Amino acid sequence: MLDGLPYGDGKEGRKVIRVVTVGARDTIDTLSQRMAVADGKRERFIVINGVPADEPLKPGTLVKLVVAA
């Protein structure tokens, strides 16, 4: 399982991957804002989750977020 897997090189603090369930009101933008990365949050969210940038997320889907540990 990926949940809790270390992410990055540790230079910007300890980060891990968390697996979360998409809620009814969640969008790529709202979830990517929770990412603990300096810039490119939306783009990084799209890449690590392999989701199309122009399609809405389906509630109940599992996605990965990079968060501070």
PDB file of N, CA and C in Angstrom:
ATOM      1  N   MET A   1       0.842  -1.186   0.000  1.00  0.00           N
ATOM      2  CA  MET A   1       0.000   0.000   0.000  1.00  0.00           C
ATOM      3  C   MET A   1       0.883   1.244   0.000  1.00  0.00           C
ATOM      4  N   LEU A   2       0.452   2.273  -0.658  1.00  0.00           N
ATOM      5  CA  LEU A   2       1.216   3.514  -0.757  1.00  0.00           C
ATOM      6  C   LEU A   2       1.031   4.433   0.452  1.00  0.00           C
ATOM      7  N   ASP A   3      -0.058   4.293   1.178  1.00  0.00           N
ATOM      8  CA  ASP A   3      -0.349   5.208   2.273  1.00  0.00           C
ATOM      9  C   ASP A   3       0.790   5.209   3.287  1.00  0.00           C
ATOM     10  N   GLY A   4       1.383   6.395   3.508  1.00  0.00           N
ATOM     11  CA  GLY A   4       2.484   6.534   4.446  1.00  0.00           C
ATOM     12  C   GLY A   4       3.858   6.392   3.827  1.00  0.00           C
ATOM     13  N   LEU A   5       3.916   6.103   2.534  1.00  0.00           N
ATOM     14  CA  LEU A   5       5.197   5.956   1.836  1.00  0.00           C
ATOM     15  C   LEU A   5       5.931   7.295   1.824  1.00  0.00           C
ATOM     16  N   PRO A   6       7.219   7.332   2.206  1.00  0.00           N
ATOM     17  CA  PRO A   6       7.975   8.590   2.177  1.00  0.00           C
ATOM     18  C   PRO A   6       8.014   9.170   0.766  1.00  0.00           C
ATOM     19  N   TYR A   7       8.023  10.507   0.683  1.00  0.00           N
ATOM     20  CA  TYR A   7       8.036  11.198  -0.604  1.00  0.00           C
ATOM     21  C   TYR A   7       9.100  12.281  -0.581  1.00  0.00           C
ATOM     22  N   GLY A   8       9.872  12.391  -1.635  1.00  0.00           N
ATOM     23  CA  GLY A   8      10.866  13.455  -1.772  1.00  0.00           C
ATOM     24  C   GLY A   8      12.194  13.111  -1.131  1.00  0.00           C
ATOM     25  N   ASP A   9      13.071  14.110  -1.141  1.00  0.00           N
ATOM     26  CA  ASP A   9      14.430  13.899  -0.647  1.00  0.00           C
ATOM     27  C   ASP A   9      14.630  14.377   0.789  1.00  0.00           C
ATOM     28  N   GLY A  10      13.605  14.935   1.410  1.00  0.00           N
ATOM     29  CA  GLY A  10      13.693  15.374   2.798  1.00  0.00           C
ATOM     30  C   GLY A  10      14.254  16.770   2.995  1.00  0.00           C
ATOM     31  N   LYS A  11      14.683  17.425   1.924  1.00  0.00           N
ATOM     32  CA  LYS A  11      15.260  18.769   2.045  1.00  0.00           C
ATOM     33  C   LYS A  11      14.218  19.816   2.441  1.00  0.00           C
ATOM     34  N   GLU A  12      12.956  19.566   2.119  1.00  0.00           N
ATOM     35  CA  GLU A  12      11.879  20.505   2.453  1.00  0.00           C
ATOM     36  C   GLU A  12      11.011  19.962   3.583  1.00  0.00           C
ATOM     37  N   GLY A  13      11.581  19.141   4.420  1.00  0.00           N
ATOM     38  CA  GLY A  13      10.825  18.529   5.509  1.00  0.00           C
ATOM     39  C   GLY A  13      10.324  17.155   5.107  1.00  0.00           C
ATOM     40  N   ARG A  14       9.920  16.387   6.090  1.00  0.00           N
ATOM     41  CA  ARG A  14       9.455  15.021   5.836  1.00  0.00           C
ATOM     42  C   ARG A  14       8.052  15.045   5.241  1.00  0.00           C
ATOM     43  N   LYS A  15       7.889  14.337   4.128  1.00  0.00           N
ATOM     44  CA  LYS A  15       6.594  14.244   3.460  1.00  0.00           C
ATOM     45  C   LYS A  15       6.277  12.789   3.181  1.00  0.00           C
ATOM     46  N   VAL A  16       4.991  12.488   3.179  1.00  0.00           N
ATOM     47  CA  VAL A  16       4.537  11.133   2.886  1.00  0.00           C
ATOM     48  C   VAL A  16       3.351  11.202   1.925  1.00  0.00           C
ATOM     49  N   ILE A  17       3.064  10.073   1.314  1.00  0.00           N
ATOM     50  CA  ILE A  17       1.891   9.961   0.457  1.00  0.00           C
ATOM     51  C   ILE A  17       0.736   9.457   1.311  1.00  0.00           C
ATOM     52  N   ARG A  18      -0.401  10.118   1.183  1.00  0.00           N
ATOM     53  CA  ARG A  18      -1.625   9.684   1.852  1.00  0.00           C
ATOM     54  C   ARG A  18      -2.654   9.361   0.773  1.00  0.00           C
ATOM     55  N   VAL A  19      -3.380   8.291   0.968  1.00  0.00           N
ATOM     56  CA  VAL A  19      -4.448   7.906   0.057  1.00  0.00           C
ATOM     57  C   VAL A  19      -5.757   8.363   0.683  1.00  0.00           C
ATOM     58  N   VAL A  20      -6.517   9.165  -0.078  1.00  0.00           N
ATOM     59  CA  VAL A  20      -7.780   9.696   0.415  1.00  0.00           C
ATOM     60  C   VAL A  20      -8.894   9.373  -0.573  1.00  0.00           C
ATOM     61  N   THR A  21     -10.117   9.389  -0.091  1.00  0.00           N
ATOM     62  CA  THR A  21     -11.289   9.141  -0.923  1.00  0.00           C
ATOM     63  C   THR A  21     -11.869  10.467  -1.388  1.00  0.00           C
ATOM     64  N   VAL A  22     -12.131  10.577  -2.677  1.00  0.00           N
ATOM     65  CA  VAL A  22     -12.723  11.785  -3.241  1.00  0.00           C
ATOM     66  C   VAL A  22     -14.147  11.918  -2.736  1.00  0.00           C
ATOM     67  N   GLY A  23     -14.464  13.108  -2.206  1.00  0.00           N
ATOM     68  CA  GLY A  23     -15.810  13.401  -1.722  1.00  0.00           C
ATOM     69  C   GLY A  23     -16.646  14.067  -2.802  1.00  0.00           C
ATOM     70  N   ALA A  24     -17.923  14.244  -2.521  1.00  0.00           N
ATOM     71  CA  ALA A  24     -18.865  14.808  -3.487  1.00  0.00           C
ATOM     72  C   ALA A  24     -18.484  16.211  -3.948  1.00  0.00           C
ATOM     73  N   ARG A  25     -17.880  16.993  -3.089  1.00  0.00           N
ATOM     74  CA  ARG A  25     -17.529  18.384  -3.439  1.00  0.00           C
ATOM     75  C   ARG A  25     -16.069  18.559  -3.838  1.00  0.00           C
ATOM     76  N   ASP A  26     -15.305  17.485  -3.837  1.00  0.00           N
ATOM     77  CA  ASP A  26     -13.881  17.579  -4.158  1.00  0.00           C
ATOM     78  C   ASP A  26     -13.649  17.760  -5.653  1.00  0.00           C
ATOM     79  N   THR A  27     -12.640  18.559  -5.957  1.00  0.00           N
ATOM     80  CA  THR A  27     -12.198  18.761  -7.336  1.00  0.00           C
ATOM     81  C   THR A  27     -10.680  18.602  -7.360  1.00  0.00           C
ATOM     82  N   ILE A  28     -10.126  18.588  -8.542  1.00  0.00           N
ATOM     83  CA  ILE A  28      -8.670  18.555  -8.655  1.00  0.00           C
ATOM     84  C   ILE A  28      -8.078  19.745  -7.914  1.00  0.00           C
ATOM     85  N   ASP A  29      -8.679  20.901  -8.075  1.00  0.00           N
ATOM     86  CA  ASP A  29      -8.147  22.110  -7.432  1.00  0.00           C
ATOM     87  C   ASP A  29      -8.235  22.056  -5.905  1.00  0.00           C
ATOM     88  N   THR A  30      -9.362  21.611  -5.356  1.00  0.00           N
ATOM     89  CA  THR A  30      -9.491  21.590  -3.895  1.00  0.00           C
ATOM     90  C   THR A  30      -8.554  20.563  -3.274  1.00  0.00           C
ATOM     91  N   LEU A  31      -8.434  19.406  -3.898  1.00  0.00           N
ATOM     92  CA  LEU A  31      -7.547  18.384  -3.341  1.00  0.00           C
ATOM     93  C   LEU A  31      -6.079  18.756  -3.532  1.00  0.00           C
ATOM     94  N   SER A  32      -5.733  19.317  -4.674  1.00  0.00           N
ATOM     95  CA  SER A  32      -4.324  19.655  -4.911  1.00  0.00           C
ATOM     96  C   SER A  32      -3.842  20.752  -3.964  1.00  0.00           C
ATOM     97  N   GLN A  33      -4.733  21.601  -3.481  1.00  0.00           N
ATOM     98  CA  GLN A  33      -4.341  22.638  -2.524  1.00  0.00           C
ATOM     99  C   GLN A  33      -3.915  22.050  -1.183  1.00  0.00           C
ATOM    100  N   ARG A  34      -4.270  20.811  -0.930  1.00  0.00           N
ATOM    101  CA  ARG A  34      -3.865  20.131   0.312  1.00  0.00           C
ATOM    102  C   ARG A  34      -2.472  19.526   0.212  1.00  0.00           C
ATOM    103  N   MET A  35      -1.878  19.589  -0.988  1.00  0.00           N
ATOM    104  CA  MET A  35      -0.556  19.004  -1.206  1.00  0.00           C
ATOM    105  C   MET A  35       0.519  19.853  -0.523  1.00  0.00           C
ATOM    106  N   ALA A  36       1.460  19.203   0.135  1.00  0.00           N
ATOM    107  CA  ALA A  36       2.552  19.884   0.850  1.00  0.00           C
ATOM    108  C   ALA A  36       3.769  20.009  -0.064  1.00  0.00           C
ATOM    109  N   VAL A  37       3.561  20.687  -1.190  1.00  0.00           N
ATOM    110  CA  VAL A  37       4.661  20.963  -2.111  1.00  0.00           C
ATOM    111  C   VAL A  37       4.698  22.467  -2.359  1.00  0.00           C
ATOM    112  N   ALA A  38       5.880  22.984  -2.684  1.00  0.00           N
ATOM    113  CA  ALA A  38       6.059  24.425  -2.807  1.00  0.00           C
ATOM    114  C   ALA A  38       5.286  25.025  -3.981  1.00  0.00           C
ATOM    115  N   ASP A  39       5.352  24.411  -5.132  1.00  0.00           N
ATOM    116  CA  ASP A  39       4.652  24.937  -6.300  1.00  0.00           C
ATOM    117  C   ASP A  39       4.265  23.788  -7.226  1.00  0.00           C
ATOM    118  N   GLY A  40       3.423  24.089  -8.190  1.00  0.00           N
ATOM    119  CA  GLY A  40       2.983  23.062  -9.119  1.00  0.00           C
ATOM    120  C   GLY A  40       2.080  22.021  -8.487  1.00  0.00           C
ATOM    121  N   LYS A  41       1.292  22.435  -7.501  1.00  0.00           N
ATOM    122  CA  LYS A  41       0.447  21.488  -6.774  1.00  0.00           C
ATOM    123  C   LYS A  41      -0.541  20.778  -7.693  1.00  0.00           C
ATOM    124  N   ARG A  42      -1.234  21.552  -8.510  1.00  0.00           N
ATOM    125  CA  ARG A  42      -2.244  20.973  -9.403  1.00  0.00           C
ATOM    126  C   ARG A  42      -1.602  19.994 -10.387  1.00  0.00           C
ATOM    127  N   GLU A  43      -0.530  20.415 -10.998  1.00  0.00           N
ATOM    128  CA  GLU A  43       0.152  19.575 -11.985  1.00  0.00           C
ATOM    129  C   GLU A  43       0.688  18.296 -11.346  1.00  0.00           C
ATOM    130  N   ARG A  44       1.265  18.417 -10.163  1.00  0.00           N
ATOM    131  CA  ARG A  44       1.792  17.238  -9.480  1.00  0.00           C
ATOM    132  C   ARG A  44       0.666  16.277  -9.104  1.00  0.00           C
ATOM    133  N   PHE A  45      -0.467  16.816  -8.635  1.00  0.00           N
ATOM    134  CA  PHE A  45      -1.623  15.985  -8.315  1.00  0.00           C
ATOM    135  C   PHE A  45      -2.073  15.189  -9.544  1.00  0.00           C
ATOM    136  N   ILE A  46      -2.168  15.857 -10.669  1.00  0.00           N
ATOM    137  CA  ILE A  46      -2.590  15.208 -11.918  1.00  0.00           C
ATOM    138  C   ILE A  46      -1.625  14.096 -12.294  1.00  0.00           C
ATOM    139  N   VAL A  47      -0.327  14.355 -12.193  1.00  0.00           N
ATOM    140  CA  VAL A  47       0.681  13.362 -12.579  1.00  0.00           C
ATOM    141  C   VAL A  47       0.676  12.149 -11.649  1.00  0.00           C
ATOM    142  N   ILE A  48       0.709  12.375 -10.324  1.00  0.00           N
ATOM    143  CA  ILE A  48       0.819  11.211  -9.419  1.00  0.00           C
ATOM    144  C   ILE A  48      -0.458  10.381  -9.372  1.00  0.00           C
ATOM    145  N   ASN A  49      -1.570  10.987  -9.801  1.00  0.00           N
ATOM    146  CA  ASN A  49      -2.830  10.238  -9.810  1.00  0.00           C
ATOM    147  C   ASN A  49      -3.236   9.766 -11.198  1.00  0.00           C
ATOM    148  N   GLY A  50      -2.544  10.233 -12.227  1.00  0.00           N
ATOM    149  CA  GLY A  50      -2.854   9.807 -13.584  1.00  0.00           C
ATOM    150  C   GLY A  50      -4.270  10.144 -14.012  1.00  0.00           C
ATOM    151  N   VAL A  51      -4.735  11.329 -13.598  1.00  0.00           N
ATOM    152  CA  VAL A  51      -6.094  11.747 -13.947  1.00  0.00           C
ATOM    153  C   VAL A  51      -6.059  12.794 -15.054  1.00  0.00           C
ATOM    154  N   PRO A  52      -7.069  12.815 -15.915  1.00  0.00           N
ATOM    155  CA  PRO A  52      -7.134  13.855 -16.946  1.00  0.00           C
ATOM    156  C   PRO A  52      -7.397  15.216 -16.295  1.00  0.00           C
ATOM    157  N   ALA A  53      -6.705  16.234 -16.746  1.00  0.00           N
ATOM    158  CA  ALA A  53      -6.827  17.569 -16.165  1.00  0.00           C
ATOM    159  C   ALA A  53      -8.182  18.214 -16.433  1.00  0.00           C
ATOM    160  N   ASP A  54      -8.863  17.772 -17.478  1.00  0.00           N
ATOM    161  CA  ASP A  54     -10.105  18.425 -17.889  1.00  0.00           C
ATOM    162  C   ASP A  54     -11.365  17.636 -17.539  1.00  0.00           C
ATOM    163  N   GLU A  55     -11.240  16.599 -16.713  1.00  0.00           N
ATOM    164  CA  GLU A  55     -12.413  15.812 -16.324  1.00  0.00           C
ATOM    165  C   GLU A  55     -12.616  15.884 -14.810  1.00  0.00           C
ATOM    166  N   PRO A  56     -13.877  15.910 -14.367  1.00  0.00           N
ATOM    167  CA  PRO A  56     -14.129  15.948 -12.915  1.00  0.00           C
ATOM    168  C   PRO A  56     -13.750  14.624 -12.259  1.00  0.00           C
ATOM    169  N   LEU A  57     -13.393  14.702 -10.978  1.00  0.00           N
ATOM    170  CA  LEU A  57     -13.096  13.496 -10.215  1.00  0.00           C
ATOM    171  C   LEU A  57     -14.407  12.831  -9.814  1.00  0.00           C
ATOM    172  N   LYS A  58     -14.410  11.517  -9.756  1.00  0.00           N
ATOM    173  CA  LYS A  58     -15.607  10.767  -9.389  1.00  0.00           C
ATOM    174  C   LYS A  58     -15.594  10.513  -7.878  1.00  0.00           C
ATOM    175  N   PRO A  59     -16.650  10.938  -7.166  1.00  0.00           N
ATOM    176  CA  PRO A  59     -16.718  10.667  -5.735  1.00  0.00           C
ATOM    177  C   PRO A  59     -16.551   9.172  -5.451  1.00  0.00           C
ATOM    178  N   GLY A  60     -15.787   8.878  -4.401  1.00  0.00           N
ATOM    179  CA  GLY A  60     -15.515   7.498  -4.028  1.00  0.00           C
ATOM    180  C   GLY A  60     -14.198   6.968  -4.570  1.00  0.00           C
ATOM    181  N   THR A  61     -13.617   7.691  -5.519  1.00  0.00           N
ATOM    182  CA  THR A  61     -12.339   7.304  -6.094  1.00  0.00           C
ATOM    183  C   THR A  61     -11.220   7.549  -5.081  1.00  0.00           C
ATOM    184  N   LEU A  62     -10.232   6.685  -5.052  1.00  0.00           N
ATOM    185  CA  LEU A  62      -9.057   6.876  -4.190  1.00  0.00           C
ATOM    186  C   LEU A  62      -8.002   7.654  -4.963  1.00  0.00           C
ATOM    187  N   VAL A  63      -7.436   8.681  -4.310  1.00  0.00           N
ATOM    188  CA  VAL A  63      -6.362   9.474  -4.904  1.00  0.00           C
ATOM    189  C   VAL A  63      -5.224   9.625  -3.902  1.00  0.00           C
ATOM    190  N   LYS A  64      -4.061   9.985  -4.416  1.00  0.00           N
ATOM    191  CA  LYS A  64      -2.869  10.176  -3.579  1.00  0.00           C
ATOM    192  C   LYS A  64      -2.607  11.666  -3.372  1.00  0.00           C
ATOM    193  N   LEU A  65      -2.235  12.026  -2.144  1.00  0.00           N
ATOM    194  CA  LEU A  65      -1.817  13.387  -1.803  1.00  0.00           C
ATOM    195  C   LEU A  65      -0.452  13.322  -1.147  1.00  0.00           C
ATOM    196  N   VAL A  66       0.388  14.316  -1.418  1.00  0.00           N
ATOM    197  CA  VAL A  66       1.672  14.445  -0.718  1.00  0.00           C
ATOM    198  C   VAL A  66       1.425  15.403   0.442  1.00  0.00           C
ATOM    199  N   VAL A  67       1.635  14.917   1.658  1.00  0.00           N
ATOM    200  CA  VAL A  67       1.354  15.722   2.855  1.00  0.00           C
ATOM    201  C   VAL A  67       2.564  15.731   3.789  1.00  0.00           C
ATOM    202  N   ALA A  68       2.600  16.727   4.660  1.00  0.00           N
ATOM    203  CA  ALA A  68       3.658  16.782   5.673  1.00  0.00           C
ATOM    204  C   ALA A  68       3.433  15.642   6.659  1.00  0.00           C
ATOM    205  N   ALA A  69       4.521  15.019   7.067  1.00  0.00           N
ATOM    206  CA  ALA A  69       4.419  13.884   8.004  1.00  0.00           C
ATOM    207  C   ALA A  69       4.381  14.363   9.428  1.00  0.00           C
TER     208      ALA A  69
END
